[in-house]
Amino acid sequence: MRALWQILRLLWAADPRAMWRGAALSVVVLIMGAALLGLSGWFITATGLAGIAGIGIAFDVFRPSAGVRFLALGRAAARYGERLLTHDATLRALAALRITLMHRLEAWPIDALRQLRGGTALTRITADVDALDGVALRLALPLAAALITHAAAFVLLAWLVTPAVAAAVALGYLVGGSVILLRVALRTFAPSTEAEAAMQALRQRAIGLFRGQREAILQGLLPEWRARIDAEDARARAAQDRLDRIDTGAGLALSVLVALVTALVLGLSGGLIASGRIDAAQAAIGVFVALALAETVMPLRRGLAEIGRMRDAAARVLAEAPAGARPLGAQGAAPVPDRAAGLELCDLSLARPGREVPLLSGVSFSVAPGRMLALSGASGTGKSTLLDALAGIGPVRSGSVHVLGAPLADWPEPALRRHLTLLPQRTALLGGSVRDNLEIARPDLTDEDAWAVLRAVALDQVIAARGGLEAGLGEGGAGLSGGESRRLALARALLRHPDILLLDEPTEGLDADTARRVVAGVRAYLPQAAIVAATHRRVETELADFHLDLTNFVQNQRGS
């Protein structure tokens, strides 16, 4: 439950003023509801008694009726304000929670982050954040408002009726309600977790089918996929049915509790009337308030029915970074860049995440502005690992890296990204237009700048043939070939005009002539940039100013 408390603190801190106002209105709604029913019961009973006594003409009906109207209208207005404020504050809080989650993910090792790019992980993260909206709306606020309302009802009933009636109402609801709601929470832990897991599996199966429907049809696997989805759907429905049965049973139990508390108050009030300690109008207040307080406990069962789902989601969102968390850069002012220095490495040693034996050892080189270095080596020699380390997103065991004359560790993250850009092997494009994808790097992009960078990566004719900058792309850049998608991502990287550009297999999937045009275009577009390209293609090695074979720096990995 500590994770739920931490999530509540994060949600509350996002907009505390709106949360406090919403909480106050929640209490006002419940108190006004109890007061409305209590006053109405007293008014009807007192009016009847006055008529029986023959003094009805002298009975003041105006002030009680005005109070009833005030409470009815005030309760409706308070309910509207409470819904507006709490939902708005919760949506703001969830947006802030997503930012907090992104900050936490920044510290994860790059390998762990790359595993989150799959549909399964992203769907899980989205569902977890959505599940946490109930922490405030359906759990914390209703519970706090209920407790405050019962405290106020106890004080008012003890004053207006008698302490005995107040104690009967308080004990009946607090003891009986606590037992029922605690049982709901305990019984729904497992089913709510199972229901959420089943829904996640169903989403993953459906997404997998949508993305791979062509292959499923061509291979004749569509019926098999459909059967798997039906099985997951049946499992999700079964788990949800269990939750519904528990919720229905809890509603019935709470309804019985309300009836029992009301009957207890009615019987107790009858004895007090017979002894002359209270009159019938006062007794009506206790009976109707006991009925009205049902509104404080009924909504709680929904929040408690989902507590297992919320607990698991909170634990995942607040999970500590995996071993090998990377530093997030220095704090404070950025170093003064020396653009004449370029990129320098001295006796660098690297290891794969989670391994002790070095992968590369003793790597040293320097790349001056306007020059290009090609890194080659067989698959697995550590080309991508080295680029990650140079970009500040991978760990360095020993040695030093200097960026524009300053140690890499001295650069704050935002400043480093302004001067250094990495284009990894796996790039991501957005569903949207070509312009949308380019504007990620430069929001103030003009048409002239866009076509200039597309020409640099030999993509201008392709984009023009597809309808220009406003041509739409599907999810992940669907609509472009692999090589075209990679060149569009390269164009986006060039738009940042970095002083140091790190490229991982930039011309993969291109023919030799197109690859030459792309490399030449990149160097012409960024004539003063220091470029390091990891490659296994001869064309890039030939066009580079220097070539370094990392095989000479690879350590023996046996037993690592």
Protein backbone atom coordinates (compact mmCIF):
# COMPACT_ATOMS: atom_id res chain seq x y z
CA MET A 1 0.00 0.00 0.00
CA ARG A 2 3.01 2.28 0.28
CA ALA A 3 3.09 2.53 -3.52
CA LEU A 4 -0.54 3.75 -3.57
CA TRP A 5 0.29 6.36 -0.95
CA GLN A 6 3.25 7.58 -3.03
CA ILE A 7 1.07 7.79 -6.13
CA LEU A 8 -1.56 9.75 -4.20
CA ARG A 9 1.11 12.22 -3.08
CA LEU A 10 2.29 12.64 -6.67
CA LEU A 11 -1.26 13.14 -7.93
CA TRP A 12 -2.08 15.61 -5.17
CA ALA A 13 1.12 17.59 -5.70
CA ALA A 14 0.29 18.15 -9.38
CA ASP A 15 -2.52 20.62 -8.55
CA PRO A 16 -3.05 20.76 -4.77
CA ARG A 17 -5.39 23.75 -4.83
CA ALA A 18 -7.84 22.08 -7.20
CA MET A 19 -7.59 18.84 -5.23
CA TRP A 20 -8.32 20.58 -1.93
CA ARG A 21 -11.27 22.45 -3.44
CA GLY A 22 -12.60 19.22 -4.93
CA ALA A 23 -12.18 17.42 -1.59
CA ALA A 24 -13.98 20.23 0.24
CA LEU A 25 -16.86 20.11 -2.24
CA SER A 26 -17.05 16.31 -1.84
CA VAL A 27 -17.62 16.80 1.88
CA VAL A 28 -20.12 19.59 1.23
CA VAL A 29 -22.11 17.34 -1.13
CA LEU A 30 -22.37 14.53 1.42
CA ILE A 31 -23.17 16.80 4.35
CA MET A 32 -25.77 18.68 2.34
CA GLY A 33 -27.34 15.39 1.26
CA ALA A 34 -27.61 14.17 4.85
CA ALA A 35 -28.86 17.57 6.03
CA LEU A 36 -31.42 17.72 3.21
CA LEU A 37 -32.94 14.36 4.07
CA GLY A 38 -32.80 15.03 7.81
CA LEU A 39 -34.43 18.44 7.50
CA SER A 40 -37.07 17.08 5.13
CA GLY A 41 -37.92 14.28 7.56
CA TRP A 42 -38.12 16.69 10.48
CA PHE A 43 -40.22 19.15 8.45
CA ILE A 44 -42.77 16.56 7.33
CA THR A 45 -43.05 15.04 10.79
CA ALA A 46 -43.23 18.36 12.61
CA THR A 47 -45.88 19.63 10.20
CA GLY A 48 -47.98 16.53 10.80
CA LEU A 49 -47.64 16.84 14.57
CA ALA A 50 -48.62 20.50 14.41
CA GLY A 51 -51.74 19.61 12.40
CA ILE A 52 -52.71 16.89 14.85
CA ALA A 53 -52.23 19.30 17.73
CA GLY A 54 -54.41 21.88 15.99
CA ILE A 55 -51.67 24.51 15.76
CA GLY A 56 -50.83 24.01 12.10
CA ILE A 57 -51.85 27.56 11.24
CA ALA A 58 -49.21 28.89 13.60
CA PHE A 59 -46.44 26.55 12.41
CA ASP A 60 -43.62 28.30 10.51
CA VAL A 61 -43.34 26.47 7.19
CA PHE A 62 -41.39 29.14 5.34
CA ARG A 63 -37.95 28.85 6.90
CA PRO A 64 -37.80 25.01 6.80
CA SER A 65 -39.03 24.97 3.19
CA ALA A 66 -36.45 27.60 2.27
CA GLY A 67 -33.80 25.44 3.93
CA VAL A 68 -34.91 22.42 1.93
CA ARG A 69 -34.71 24.38 -1.32
CA PHE A 70 -31.30 25.81 -0.37
CA LEU A 71 -29.89 22.40 0.45
CA ALA A 72 -31.31 20.80 -2.71
CA LEU A 73 -29.96 23.49 -5.03
CA GLY A 74 -26.71 23.83 -3.09
CA ARG A 75 -26.11 20.10 -3.21
CA ALA A 76 -26.63 20.03 -6.99
CA ALA A 77 -24.25 22.96 -7.48
CA ALA A 78 -21.67 21.46 -5.13
CA ARG A 79 -21.87 18.11 -6.93
CA TYR A 80 -21.28 19.81 -10.28
CA GLY A 81 -18.32 21.76 -8.91
CA GLU A 82 -16.90 18.67 -7.21
CA ARG A 83 -17.07 16.63 -10.40
CA LEU A 84 -15.56 19.45 -12.43
CA LEU A 85 -12.69 20.19 -10.06
CA THR A 86 -11.73 16.66 -9.09
CA HIS A 87 -11.82 15.30 -12.64
CA ASP A 88 -9.91 18.29 -14.01
CA ALA A 89 -7.34 18.01 -11.23
CA THR A 90 -7.02 14.27 -11.76
CA LEU A 91 -6.46 14.67 -15.49
CA ARG A 92 -3.78 17.28 -14.77
CA ALA A 93 -2.26 14.96 -12.19
CA LEU A 94 -2.15 12.05 -14.63
CA ALA A 95 -0.40 14.27 -17.17
CA ALA A 96 2.14 15.19 -14.49
CA LEU A 97 2.46 11.52 -13.55
CA ARG A 98 3.34 10.66 -17.14
CA ILE A 99 6.11 13.29 -17.03
CA THR A 100 7.33 11.85 -13.72
CA LEU A 101 7.35 8.40 -15.28
CA MET A 102 9.38 9.70 -18.22
CA HIS A 103 11.92 11.25 -15.82
CA ARG A 104 12.22 7.91 -14.02
CA LEU A 105 12.73 6.09 -17.30
CA GLU A 106 15.55 8.47 -18.21
CA ALA A 107 17.74 6.74 -15.63
CA TRP A 108 17.14 3.27 -17.07
CA PRO A 109 19.95 1.59 -19.00
CA ILE A 110 19.62 2.12 -22.72
CA ASP A 111 19.14 -1.60 -23.34
CA ALA A 112 16.18 -1.68 -20.92
CA LEU A 113 14.68 1.39 -22.59
CA ARG A 114 14.93 -0.18 -26.02
CA GLN A 115 12.91 -3.14 -24.78
CA LEU A 116 10.08 -0.72 -23.92
CA ARG A 117 9.58 0.14 -27.58
CA GLY A 118 7.48 -2.94 -28.18
CA GLY A 119 3.71 -2.76 -28.22
CA THR A 120 3.46 -4.97 -25.13
CA ALA A 121 5.50 -2.68 -22.89
CA LEU A 122 3.92 0.53 -24.18
CA THR A 123 0.43 -0.86 -23.75
CA ARG A 124 1.29 -1.86 -20.19
CA ILE A 125 2.63 1.60 -19.32
CA THR A 126 -0.43 3.33 -20.78
CA ALA A 127 -2.85 1.02 -18.96
CA ASP A 128 -0.98 1.45 -15.66
CA VAL A 129 -1.19 5.24 -15.78
CA ASP A 130 -4.88 5.08 -16.71
CA ALA A 131 -5.55 2.69 -13.81
CA LEU A 132 -4.13 5.19 -11.33
CA ASP A 133 -6.84 7.80 -11.95
CA GLY A 134 -8.98 5.86 -9.46
CA VAL A 135 -6.52 6.40 -6.60
CA ALA A 136 -7.83 9.91 -6.02
CA LEU A 137 -11.27 9.82 -7.64
CA ARG A 138 -12.59 6.49 -6.40
CA LEU A 139 -10.50 5.77 -3.33
CA ALA A 140 -8.85 8.62 -1.45
CA LEU A 141 -11.38 11.42 -1.93
CA PRO A 142 -14.55 9.35 -1.29
CA LEU A 143 -12.98 7.70 1.78
CA ALA A 144 -11.82 10.98 3.30
CA ALA A 145 -15.14 12.68 2.54
CA ALA A 146 -17.06 9.76 4.09
CA LEU A 147 -15.07 9.90 7.34
CA ILE A 148 -15.45 13.66 7.66
CA THR A 149 -19.18 13.45 6.92
CA HIS A 150 -19.71 10.77 9.56
CA ALA A 151 -17.83 12.87 12.10
CA ALA A 152 -20.02 15.88 11.29
CA ALA A 153 -23.17 13.72 11.39
CA PHE A 154 -22.21 12.38 14.82
CA VAL A 155 -21.77 15.88 16.23
CA LEU A 156 -25.03 17.18 14.74
CA LEU A 157 -27.08 14.14 15.75
CA ALA A 158 -25.72 14.30 19.30
CA TRP A 159 -26.77 17.96 19.44
CA LEU A 160 -30.11 17.83 17.64
CA VAL A 161 -31.33 14.38 18.72
CA THR A 162 -29.37 12.51 21.37
CA PRO A 163 -25.87 11.03 21.77
CA ALA A 164 -27.34 7.52 21.82
CA VAL A 165 -28.76 7.91 18.29
CA ALA A 166 -25.50 9.52 17.10
CA ALA A 167 -23.47 6.64 18.52
CA ALA A 168 -25.77 4.03 16.95
CA VAL A 169 -25.40 5.58 13.50
CA ALA A 170 -21.64 6.04 13.83
CA LEU A 171 -20.90 2.56 15.15
CA GLY A 172 -23.27 0.88 12.71
CA TYR A 173 -21.69 2.43 9.68
CA LEU A 174 -18.08 2.47 10.80
CA VAL A 175 -18.01 -1.09 12.11
CA GLY A 176 -20.36 -2.70 9.61
CA GLY A 177 -19.11 -0.66 6.66
CA SER A 178 -15.46 -1.34 7.52
CA VAL A 179 -16.05 -5.10 7.69
CA ILE A 180 -17.90 -5.21 4.36
CA LEU A 181 -15.50 -2.92 2.50
CA LEU A 182 -12.40 -4.62 3.90
CA ARG A 183 -13.80 -7.96 2.76
CA VAL A 184 -14.42 -6.47 -0.69
CA ALA A 185 -10.81 -5.28 -0.87
CA LEU A 186 -9.39 -8.64 0.20
CA ARG A 187 -11.60 -10.65 -2.14
CA THR A 188 -10.92 -8.46 -5.17
CA PHE A 189 -7.11 -8.32 -4.98
CA ALA A 190 -6.59 -11.45 -7.08
CA PRO A 191 -9.58 -11.05 -9.47
CA SER A 192 -8.78 -7.42 -10.28
CA THR A 193 -5.15 -8.32 -10.98
CA GLU A 194 -6.25 -11.25 -13.12
CA ALA A 195 -8.78 -9.12 -15.00
CA GLU A 196 -6.15 -6.50 -15.77
CA ALA A 197 -3.67 -9.14 -16.94
CA ALA A 198 -6.31 -10.72 -19.15
CA MET A 199 -7.24 -7.35 -20.67
CA GLN A 200 -3.57 -6.63 -21.37
CA ALA A 201 -3.16 -10.01 -23.05
CA LEU A 202 -6.28 -9.38 -25.12
CA ARG A 203 -4.99 -5.99 -26.25
CA GLN A 204 -1.62 -7.48 -27.16
CA ARG A 205 -3.23 -10.27 -29.18
CA ALA A 206 -5.46 -7.79 -31.01
CA ILE A 207 -2.58 -5.40 -31.75
CA GLY A 208 -0.46 -8.29 -32.94
CA LEU A 209 -3.19 -9.41 -35.31
CA PHE A 210 -3.76 -5.89 -36.65
CA ARG A 211 -0.07 -5.44 -37.34
CA GLY A 212 0.53 -8.90 -38.75
CA GLN A 213 -2.77 -9.54 -40.50
CA ARG A 214 -1.18 -9.79 -43.94
CA GLU A 215 1.27 -12.48 -42.79
CA ALA A 216 -1.49 -14.28 -40.86
CA ILE A 217 -3.69 -14.39 -43.98
CA LEU A 218 -0.89 -15.48 -46.30
CA GLN A 219 0.19 -18.26 -43.94
CA GLY A 220 -3.34 -19.38 -43.18
CA LEU A 221 -3.00 -18.57 -39.48
CA LEU A 222 -5.99 -16.23 -39.20
CA PRO A 223 -8.31 -18.84 -37.57
CA GLU A 224 -5.60 -19.70 -35.06
CA TRP A 225 -5.08 -16.05 -34.17
CA ARG A 226 -8.83 -15.58 -33.87
CA ALA A 227 -9.03 -18.56 -31.51
CA ARG A 228 -6.29 -17.09 -29.32
CA ILE A 229 -8.09 -13.76 -29.15
CA ASP A 230 -11.36 -15.49 -28.29
CA ALA A 231 -9.61 -17.41 -25.51
CA GLU A 232 -8.12 -14.22 -24.03
CA ASP A 233 -11.49 -12.51 -24.33
CA ALA A 234 -13.16 -15.37 -22.47
CA ARG A 235 -10.54 -15.18 -19.73
CA ALA A 236 -10.98 -11.43 -19.39
CA ARG A 237 -14.76 -11.75 -19.27
CA ALA A 238 -14.56 -14.50 -16.64
CA ALA A 239 -12.31 -12.38 -14.42
CA GLN A 240 -14.56 -9.36 -14.88
CA ASP A 241 -17.62 -11.45 -14.06
CA ARG A 242 -15.99 -12.46 -10.78
CA LEU A 243 -15.41 -8.81 -9.97
CA ASP A 244 -18.99 -7.95 -10.90
CA ARG A 245 -20.33 -10.67 -8.62
CA ILE A 246 -18.23 -9.42 -5.73
CA ASP A 247 -19.33 -5.85 -6.42
CA THR A 248 -22.98 -6.87 -6.60
CA GLY A 249 -22.69 -8.81 -3.38
CA ALA A 250 -21.00 -5.85 -1.70
CA GLY A 251 -23.82 -3.58 -2.86
CA LEU A 252 -26.37 -5.96 -1.42
CA ALA A 253 -24.47 -6.22 1.87
CA LEU A 254 -24.21 -2.43 2.16
CA SER A 255 -27.91 -2.06 1.41
CA VAL A 256 -28.68 -4.54 4.19
CA LEU A 257 -26.34 -2.57 6.47
CA VAL A 258 -28.21 0.66 5.71
CA ALA A 259 -31.52 -1.05 6.48
CA LEU A 260 -30.18 -2.49 9.75
CA VAL A 261 -28.72 0.83 10.91
CA THR A 262 -31.97 2.60 10.05
CA ALA A 263 -34.01 -0.06 11.85
CA LEU A 264 -31.69 0.24 14.86
CA VAL A 265 -32.13 4.01 14.96
CA LEU A 266 -35.89 3.64 14.48
CA GLY A 267 -36.21 1.20 17.35
CA LEU A 268 -33.94 3.25 19.60
CA SER A 269 -35.87 6.42 18.77
CA GLY A 270 -39.17 4.71 19.62
CA GLY A 271 -37.93 3.93 23.10
CA LEU A 272 -36.62 7.48 23.55
CA ILE A 273 -39.97 8.91 22.41
CA ALA A 274 -41.81 6.66 24.84
CA SER A 275 -39.57 7.86 27.68
CA GLY A 276 -40.15 11.48 26.67
CA ARG A 277 -36.51 12.26 26.00
CA ILE A 278 -37.12 13.26 22.35
CA ASP A 279 -40.16 13.95 20.20
CA ALA A 280 -41.17 12.33 16.92
CA ALA A 281 -39.76 15.17 14.81
CA GLN A 282 -36.33 14.75 16.40
CA ALA A 283 -36.53 11.00 15.88
CA ALA A 284 -37.23 11.60 12.19
CA ILE A 285 -33.95 13.50 11.88
CA GLY A 286 -31.98 10.46 13.11
CA VAL A 287 -33.86 8.01 10.89
CA PHE A 288 -33.53 10.05 7.71
CA VAL A 289 -29.88 10.94 8.35
CA ALA A 290 -29.15 7.24 8.81
CA LEU A 291 -30.70 6.63 5.38
CA ALA A 292 -28.84 9.55 3.80
CA LEU A 293 -25.43 8.34 5.03
CA ALA A 294 -25.74 5.37 2.69
CA GLU A 295 -24.34 7.76 0.06
CA THR A 296 -21.03 7.81 1.93
CA VAL A 297 -20.35 4.07 1.74
CA MET A 298 -21.92 2.92 -1.52
CA PRO A 299 -19.34 4.58 -3.87
CA LEU A 300 -16.41 3.13 -1.93
CA ARG A 301 -16.99 -0.40 -3.10
CA ARG A 302 -16.02 0.46 -6.68
CA GLY A 303 -12.67 1.92 -5.66
CA LEU A 304 -11.91 -0.97 -3.33
CA ALA A 305 -12.88 -3.48 -6.03
CA GLU A 306 -10.07 -2.07 -8.20
CA ILE A 307 -7.50 -1.73 -5.44
CA GLY A 308 -5.54 -4.78 -6.62
CA ARG A 309 -5.25 -3.34 -10.12
CA MET A 310 -4.24 0.06 -8.77
CA ARG A 311 -1.70 -1.44 -6.35
CA ASP A 312 0.02 -3.43 -9.10
CA ALA A 313 0.01 -0.46 -11.47
CA ALA A 314 1.51 1.80 -8.80
CA ALA A 315 4.24 -0.73 -8.05
CA ARG A 316 5.20 -0.91 -11.74
CA VAL A 317 5.11 2.85 -12.26
CA LEU A 318 7.29 3.44 -9.19
CA ALA A 319 9.65 0.55 -9.92
CA GLU A 320 13.30 1.31 -9.36
CA ALA A 321 15.59 1.53 -12.35
CA PRO A 322 17.18 -1.79 -13.34
CA ALA A 323 20.79 -2.43 -12.46
CA GLY A 324 23.19 -0.40 -14.54
CA ALA A 325 21.23 2.85 -14.42
CA ARG A 326 22.97 5.52 -16.43
CA PRO A 327 23.87 9.00 -15.18
CA LEU A 328 21.67 11.83 -16.35
CA GLY A 329 24.50 14.28 -16.92
CA ALA A 330 25.94 17.07 -14.84
CA GLN A 331 23.96 19.71 -13.05
CA GLY A 332 24.43 23.44 -13.40
CA ALA A 333 25.86 25.50 -16.23
CA ALA A 334 27.12 23.88 -19.41
CA PRO A 335 30.81 24.12 -20.35
CA VAL A 336 31.85 26.67 -22.94
CA PRO A 337 32.03 24.66 -26.17
CA ASP A 338 35.28 24.64 -28.12
CA ARG A 339 33.99 23.82 -31.57
CA ALA A 340 37.53 23.42 -32.86
CA ALA A 341 38.08 20.45 -30.53
CA GLY A 342 35.51 18.03 -31.95
CA LEU A 343 35.34 14.58 -30.31
CA GLU A 344 38.23 12.93 -28.45
CA LEU A 345 38.55 9.50 -26.83
CA CYS A 346 41.43 8.31 -24.68
CA ASP A 347 41.97 4.68 -23.64
CA LEU A 348 38.25 3.94 -23.45
CA SER A 349 37.05 0.63 -21.98
CA LEU A 350 33.45 -0.61 -22.33
CA ALA A 351 31.42 -3.61 -21.20
CA ARG A 352 27.98 -4.85 -22.10
CA PRO A 353 25.29 -4.10 -19.48
CA GLY A 354 25.31 -6.70 -16.72
CA ARG A 355 28.74 -8.09 -17.66
CA GLU A 356 32.09 -7.65 -15.95
CA VAL A 357 34.52 -8.61 -18.70
CA PRO A 358 35.27 -5.61 -20.98
CA LEU A 359 33.90 -5.72 -24.50
CA LEU A 360 36.27 -3.08 -25.87
CA SER A 361 39.47 -1.88 -24.26
CA GLY A 362 42.01 0.82 -25.07
CA VAL A 363 39.98 2.63 -27.73
CA SER A 364 41.48 6.03 -28.56
CA PHE A 365 40.83 8.42 -31.43
CA SER A 366 39.88 12.00 -32.19
CA VAL A 367 37.61 13.45 -34.85
CA ALA A 368 38.06 17.09 -35.76
CA PRO A 369 35.26 19.31 -37.09
CA GLY A 370 34.51 18.62 -40.72
CA ARG A 371 36.03 15.14 -40.59
CA MET A 372 34.40 11.70 -40.68
CA LEU A 373 35.50 8.49 -38.97
CA ALA A 374 34.16 5.08 -40.01
CA LEU A 375 34.03 2.38 -37.32
CA SER A 376 33.92 -1.16 -38.65
CA GLY A 377 33.99 -4.66 -37.22
CA ALA A 378 32.02 -7.85 -37.26
CA SER A 379 28.58 -7.98 -35.71
CA GLY A 380 28.89 -8.05 -31.92
CA THR A 381 32.22 -6.23 -31.71
CA GLY A 382 30.62 -3.28 -29.92
CA LYS A 383 30.06 -0.61 -32.54
CA SER A 384 26.62 0.34 -31.23
CA THR A 385 27.78 0.04 -27.62
CA LEU A 386 30.61 2.49 -28.35
CA LEU A 387 28.24 4.99 -29.99
CA ASP A 388 25.92 4.78 -26.97
CA ALA A 389 28.85 5.57 -24.69
CA LEU A 390 29.90 8.53 -26.86
CA ALA A 391 26.33 9.84 -26.75
CA GLY A 392 26.26 9.67 -22.94
CA ILE A 393 23.57 6.98 -22.77
CA GLY A 394 25.85 4.00 -22.16
CA PRO A 395 28.25 3.26 -19.29
CA VAL A 396 32.00 3.73 -19.56
CA ARG A 397 34.25 1.47 -17.48
CA SER A 398 37.40 3.53 -17.80
CA GLY A 399 39.02 6.12 -19.99
CA SER A 400 37.78 9.54 -21.01
CA VAL A 401 35.51 11.13 -23.61
CA HIS A 402 35.77 14.84 -24.41
CA VAL A 403 33.03 16.63 -26.33
CA LEU A 404 33.95 20.05 -27.75
CA GLY A 405 36.86 20.31 -25.36
CA ALA A 406 35.00 19.37 -22.14
CA PRO A 407 34.60 15.97 -20.42
CA LEU A 408 31.40 14.21 -21.39
CA ALA A 409 30.36 13.95 -17.73
CA ASP A 410 30.47 17.76 -17.35
CA TRP A 411 27.73 18.32 -19.91
CA PRO A 412 24.16 18.70 -18.63
CA GLU A 413 21.73 16.60 -20.63
CA PRO A 414 19.90 19.44 -22.47
CA ALA A 415 23.15 21.17 -23.44
CA LEU A 416 24.74 17.93 -24.64
CA ARG A 417 21.77 17.20 -26.90
CA ARG A 418 22.12 20.63 -28.52
CA HIS A 419 25.65 19.79 -29.64
CA LEU A 420 25.59 16.02 -30.13
CA THR A 421 23.08 13.84 -31.97
CA LEU A 422 22.93 10.06 -32.24
CA LEU A 423 21.01 8.23 -34.97
CA PRO A 424 20.66 4.65 -33.68
CA GLN A 425 20.04 1.56 -35.77
CA ARG A 426 16.39 1.40 -34.77
CA THR A 427 14.73 4.72 -35.43
CA ALA A 428 11.17 5.81 -34.71
CA LEU A 429 8.84 7.76 -36.97
CA LEU A 430 5.43 9.11 -36.03
CA GLY A 431 2.10 8.47 -37.62
CA GLY A 432 1.39 11.80 -39.31
CA SER A 433 2.79 13.83 -42.16
CA VAL A 434 6.39 14.05 -43.32
CA ARG A 435 6.43 17.61 -42.00
CA ASP A 436 5.27 16.41 -38.57
CA ASN A 437 8.22 14.04 -38.36
CA LEU A 438 10.73 16.70 -39.36
CA GLU A 439 9.28 19.33 -37.01
CA ILE A 440 10.21 17.18 -34.02
CA ALA A 441 13.78 18.39 -34.58
CA ARG A 442 12.87 21.96 -35.58
CA PRO A 443 9.38 23.25 -34.72
CA ASP A 444 9.92 26.42 -36.79
CA LEU A 445 10.76 24.41 -39.91
CA THR A 446 10.20 26.19 -43.24
CA ASP A 447 9.46 24.51 -46.55
CA GLU A 448 12.83 25.62 -47.90
CA ASP A 449 14.72 24.06 -44.99
CA ALA A 450 12.66 20.87 -45.23
CA TRP A 451 13.37 20.34 -48.94
CA ALA A 452 17.05 21.19 -48.42
CA VAL A 453 17.53 18.48 -45.82
CA LEU A 454 15.52 15.97 -47.87
CA ARG A 455 17.83 16.64 -50.83
CA ALA A 456 20.82 16.05 -48.56
CA VAL A 457 19.61 12.51 -47.82
CA ALA A 458 18.47 11.85 -51.40
CA LEU A 459 14.82 11.67 -50.37
CA ASP A 460 13.39 14.79 -52.01
CA GLN A 461 12.15 13.06 -55.16
CA VAL A 462 10.59 10.22 -53.18
CA ILE A 463 8.68 12.62 -50.93
CA ALA A 464 7.62 14.81 -53.86
CA ALA A 465 6.23 11.76 -55.64
CA ARG A 466 4.22 10.82 -52.54
CA GLY A 467 2.54 14.21 -52.27
CA GLY A 468 5.13 16.47 -50.66
CA LEU A 469 5.65 17.48 -47.05
CA GLU A 470 2.01 16.94 -46.16
CA ALA A 471 2.05 13.31 -47.32
CA GLY A 472 0.67 11.12 -44.57
CA LEU A 473 2.53 8.25 -42.95
CA GLY A 474 1.04 5.40 -40.97
CA GLU A 475 2.04 4.12 -37.56
CA GLY A 476 5.82 3.94 -37.25
CA GLY A 477 6.26 5.60 -40.63
CA ALA A 478 4.25 3.01 -42.55
CA GLY A 479 4.10 3.97 -46.21
CA LEU A 480 7.86 4.31 -46.63
CA SER A 481 10.31 1.51 -47.26
CA GLY A 482 12.93 0.63 -44.68
CA GLY A 483 15.63 2.64 -46.42
CA GLU A 484 13.31 5.61 -46.93
CA SER A 485 12.24 5.60 -43.30
CA ARG A 486 15.86 5.54 -42.21
CA ARG A 487 16.74 8.46 -44.47
CA LEU A 488 13.80 10.48 -43.12
CA ALA A 489 15.06 9.84 -39.58
CA LEU A 490 18.54 10.89 -40.74
CA ALA A 491 17.09 14.10 -42.18
CA ARG A 492 15.46 14.81 -38.83
CA ALA A 493 18.82 14.36 -37.10
CA LEU A 494 20.53 16.73 -39.55
CA LEU A 495 17.99 19.45 -38.84
CA ARG A 496 19.41 19.80 -35.34
CA HIS A 497 22.71 20.98 -36.87
CA PRO A 498 24.83 19.17 -34.28
CA ASP A 499 28.54 19.76 -33.86
CA ILE A 500 29.01 16.01 -33.40
CA LEU A 501 26.93 13.48 -35.35
CA LEU A 502 26.96 9.78 -34.43
CA LEU A 503 25.48 7.44 -37.03
CA ASP A 504 24.79 3.72 -36.60
CA GLU A 505 24.54 1.99 -39.99
CA PRO A 506 23.21 5.14 -41.73
CA THR A 507 22.95 3.65 -45.23
CA GLU A 508 21.70 0.18 -44.31
CA GLY A 509 19.38 -1.15 -47.03
CA LEU A 510 20.52 1.31 -49.72
CA ASP A 511 22.28 0.50 -52.96
CA ALA A 512 25.87 1.70 -53.33
CA ASP A 513 25.07 4.74 -55.52
CA THR A 514 22.33 6.00 -53.19
CA ALA A 515 24.57 5.36 -50.19
CA ARG A 516 27.30 7.53 -51.72
CA ARG A 517 24.84 10.32 -52.42
CA VAL A 518 23.53 10.16 -48.83
CA VAL A 519 26.98 10.24 -47.22
CA ALA A 520 28.11 13.06 -49.50
CA GLY A 521 24.88 14.95 -48.82
CA VAL A 522 25.26 14.61 -45.05
CA ARG A 523 28.81 15.95 -45.14
CA ALA A 524 27.82 18.81 -47.40
CA TYR A 525 24.84 19.70 -45.19
CA LEU A 526 26.99 19.68 -42.01
CA PRO A 527 30.41 20.75 -43.28
CA GLN A 528 31.72 21.62 -39.80
CA ALA A 529 30.39 18.59 -37.92
CA ALA A 530 32.59 15.81 -36.55
CA ILE A 531 30.96 12.60 -37.81
CA VAL A 532 31.43 9.08 -36.47
CA ALA A 533 29.66 6.31 -38.40
CA ALA A 534 29.45 2.68 -37.36
CA THR A 535 29.29 0.63 -40.55
CA HIS A 536 30.04 -2.67 -42.21
CA ARG A 537 29.78 -1.30 -45.75
CA ARG A 538 32.80 -0.48 -47.90
CA VAL A 539 31.10 2.55 -49.48
CA GLU A 540 30.97 4.40 -46.15
CA THR A 541 34.50 3.38 -45.27
CA GLU A 542 35.77 4.71 -48.60
CA LEU A 543 34.00 8.07 -48.19
CA ALA A 544 35.24 8.59 -44.61
CA ASP A 545 38.44 10.46 -43.80
CA PHE A 546 39.55 7.80 -41.32
CA HIS A 547 38.78 4.15 -40.70
CA LEU A 548 39.05 2.26 -37.40
CA ASP A 549 38.53 -1.50 -37.14
CA LEU A 550 37.21 -2.25 -33.63
CA THR A 551 38.18 -5.90 -33.94
CA ASN A 552 41.62 -4.87 -32.71
CA PHE A 553 40.12 -3.67 -29.42
CA VAL A 554 37.75 -6.55 -28.70
CA GLN A 555 38.46 -8.50 -25.50
CA ASN A 556 37.92 -12.23 -24.97
CA GLN A 557 34.28 -12.62 -23.85
CA ARG A 558 34.40 -16.22 -22.68
CA GLY A 559 32.88 -16.62 -19.23
CA SER A 560 31.51 -13.11 -19.21
